[in-house]
Amino acid sequence: MNPSAHCYAMAEAFEGRYLAAYRCPAGKLTIGMGHTGVDVKPGMTITNAEADRLLRVDMQSAALSVSKLVRVPLSQNMFDALCDFAFNLGRAALAGSTLLRKLNDGDYSGAAAEFAKWNKAHVNGVLVELDGLTKRRHAEAELFKAAA
């Protein structure tokens, strides 16, 4: 499966579009629509086209992770929700999650309920609930539960 246009739009809606590098609430140097990594440098700027390219590359990486980790059938909506989750939190978070364990056990409703637990980030060394993450996890869970 591949992420749908809806998946990309969801990521952009939650990440925003930033053509100059900034620090996200968790302190990570970020650019574009949630792109992080060693290639992001302070003072860096990119074009809209580069922001789009980075999102495509990052989302395809998330999709590959989802495809490798999930062992049960998924609807497009489920796949998109999981791609956004893995894009935002990383492969390791999904790989070690109760969400994935429940999903691979065939407990789709139990997996959907797990999204809400991932609404915290370390801010200044303290784990805090972030409103933006709460909204994002809710949107992912609703998409995951929606009929395809």
Protein backbone atom coordinates (compact mmCIF):
# COMPACT_ATOMS: atom_id res chain seq x y z
CA MET A 1 0.00 0.00 0.00
CA ASN A 2 0.96 3.62 -0.41
CA PRO A 3 -0.08 6.64 1.65
CA SER A 4 -3.06 8.42 0.09
CA ALA A 5 -3.36 12.12 -0.66
CA HIS A 6 -5.43 12.35 2.53
CA CYS A 7 -2.48 11.02 4.54
CA TYR A 8 -0.15 13.70 3.15
CA ALA A 9 -2.75 16.40 3.76
CA MET A 10 -3.21 15.23 7.35
CA ALA A 11 0.53 15.38 8.00
CA GLU A 12 0.76 18.88 6.55
CA ALA A 13 -2.26 20.05 8.55
CA PHE A 14 -0.68 18.96 11.83
CA GLU A 15 2.92 19.82 11.03
CA GLY A 16 2.39 23.09 9.21
CA ARG A 17 4.74 24.19 6.44
CA TYR A 18 7.93 25.89 7.55
CA LEU A 19 10.50 26.90 4.98
CA ALA A 20 13.03 27.88 7.64
CA ALA A 21 14.45 25.53 10.27
CA TYR A 22 12.91 25.80 13.74
CA ARG A 23 12.83 23.82 16.97
CA CYS A 24 9.63 21.86 17.57
CA PRO A 25 8.14 21.72 21.10
CA ALA A 26 10.28 18.64 21.81
CA GLY A 27 13.39 20.63 20.86
CA LYS A 28 14.19 18.85 17.58
CA LEU A 29 15.49 20.95 14.70
CA THR A 30 12.73 20.69 12.09
CA ILE A 31 11.99 22.05 8.62
CA GLY A 32 9.32 21.67 5.94
CA MET A 33 6.41 19.61 7.19
CA GLY A 34 7.94 17.81 10.14
CA HIS A 35 11.26 16.79 8.60
CA THR A 36 14.00 16.16 11.15
CA GLY A 37 17.44 14.67 10.82
CA VAL A 38 21.14 15.40 10.57
CA ASP A 39 20.54 17.22 7.29
CA VAL A 40 18.54 19.97 9.07
CA LYS A 41 20.84 22.79 10.17
CA PRO A 42 20.18 26.01 12.11
CA GLY A 43 19.37 28.86 9.72
CA MET A 44 18.54 26.46 6.89
CA THR A 45 15.84 27.43 4.40
CA ILE A 46 14.10 25.41 1.69
CA THR A 47 11.57 25.96 -1.08
CA ASN A 48 7.96 24.77 -1.15
CA ALA A 49 8.98 22.13 -3.68
CA GLU A 50 11.71 20.87 -1.35
CA ALA A 51 9.25 20.77 1.56
CA ASP A 52 6.91 18.64 -0.58
CA ARG A 53 9.78 16.34 -1.58
CA LEU A 54 10.93 15.88 2.02
CA LEU A 55 7.41 15.00 3.12
CA ARG A 56 7.10 12.42 0.33
CA VAL A 57 10.43 10.83 1.26
CA ASP A 58 9.65 10.82 4.99
CA MET A 59 6.12 9.47 4.50
CA GLN A 60 7.34 6.73 2.17
CA SER A 61 9.81 5.70 4.87
CA ALA A 62 6.97 5.59 7.40
CA ALA A 63 4.86 3.57 4.95
CA LEU A 64 7.66 1.06 4.50
CA SER A 65 7.89 0.67 8.27
CA VAL A 66 4.14 0.14 8.58
CA SER A 67 4.21 -2.42 5.77
CA LYS A 68 7.03 -4.35 7.42
CA LEU A 69 5.63 -4.25 10.96
CA VAL A 70 1.91 -4.92 10.42
CA ARG A 71 0.93 -8.54 9.81
CA VAL A 72 -2.86 -8.16 9.45
CA PRO A 73 -5.02 -6.75 6.65
CA LEU A 74 -5.52 -2.97 6.68
CA SER A 75 -7.93 -0.64 4.96
CA GLN A 76 -6.48 2.43 3.27
CA ASN A 77 -7.68 4.56 6.18
CA MET A 78 -5.98 2.29 8.72
CA PHE A 79 -2.78 2.35 6.70
CA ASP A 80 -2.88 6.15 6.42
CA ALA A 81 -3.45 6.57 10.16
CA LEU A 82 -0.52 4.28 10.94
CA CYS A 83 1.69 6.06 8.40
CA ASP A 84 0.97 9.42 10.02
CA PHE A 85 1.68 7.91 13.45
CA ALA A 86 5.00 6.39 12.31
CA PHE A 87 5.93 9.58 10.43
CA ASN A 88 5.35 11.70 13.54
CA LEU A 89 6.76 9.37 16.19
CA GLY A 90 9.20 7.18 14.29
CA ARG A 91 9.47 3.52 13.39
CA ALA A 92 10.78 2.52 16.83
CA ALA A 93 7.75 3.97 18.61
CA LEU A 94 5.38 1.97 16.41
CA ALA A 95 7.54 -1.18 16.57
CA GLY A 96 7.54 -1.24 20.37
CA SER A 97 3.96 -0.15 20.91
CA THR A 98 1.02 -1.93 22.45
CA LEU A 99 -0.91 -0.45 19.51
CA LEU A 100 1.07 -2.64 17.09
CA ARG A 101 0.88 -5.71 19.35
CA LYS A 102 -2.90 -5.41 19.62
CA LEU A 103 -3.25 -4.77 15.90
CA ASN A 104 -1.14 -7.79 14.96
CA ASP A 105 -3.21 -9.86 17.40
CA GLY A 106 -6.28 -8.86 15.35
CA ASP A 107 -7.66 -6.53 18.04
CA TYR A 108 -8.48 -3.60 15.76
CA SER A 109 -10.64 -1.74 18.30
CA GLY A 110 -8.01 -2.21 21.00
CA ALA A 111 -5.37 -0.87 18.63
CA ALA A 112 -7.52 2.17 17.84
CA ALA A 113 -7.79 2.96 21.56
CA GLU A 114 -4.00 2.98 21.88
CA PHE A 115 -3.47 6.06 19.69
CA ALA A 116 -4.60 8.38 22.51
CA LYS A 117 -1.76 7.21 24.77
CA TRP A 118 0.85 8.78 22.47
CA ASN A 119 0.10 12.44 23.20
CA LYS A 120 3.19 13.33 25.25
CA ALA A 121 6.64 14.64 24.42
CA HIS A 122 9.71 15.62 26.36
CA VAL A 123 9.81 19.40 26.69
CA ASN A 124 12.77 20.80 28.59
CA GLY A 125 13.44 17.33 29.97
CA VAL A 126 9.91 16.81 31.27
CA LEU A 127 7.32 14.51 29.72
CA VAL A 128 4.23 16.64 29.10
CA GLU A 129 0.93 16.21 27.33
CA LEU A 130 0.74 18.42 24.24
CA ASP A 131 -2.61 19.64 22.92
CA GLY A 132 -1.40 19.30 19.31
CA LEU A 133 -0.44 15.66 19.87
CA THR A 134 -3.75 14.95 21.59
CA LYS A 135 -5.62 16.34 18.57
CA ARG A 136 -3.38 14.47 16.13
CA ARG A 137 -3.78 11.12 17.90
CA HIS A 138 -7.55 11.65 18.02
CA ALA A 139 -7.61 12.36 14.27
CA GLU A 140 -5.46 9.29 13.57
CA ALA A 141 -7.71 7.08 15.71
CA GLU A 142 -10.84 8.38 13.99
CA LEU A 143 -9.29 7.79 10.57
CA PHE A 144 -8.18 4.31 11.64
CA LYS A 145 -11.77 3.46 12.68
CA ALA A 146 -13.41 5.02 9.60
CA ALA A 147 -14.71 2.74 6.90
CA ALA A 148 -12.49 2.83 3.84
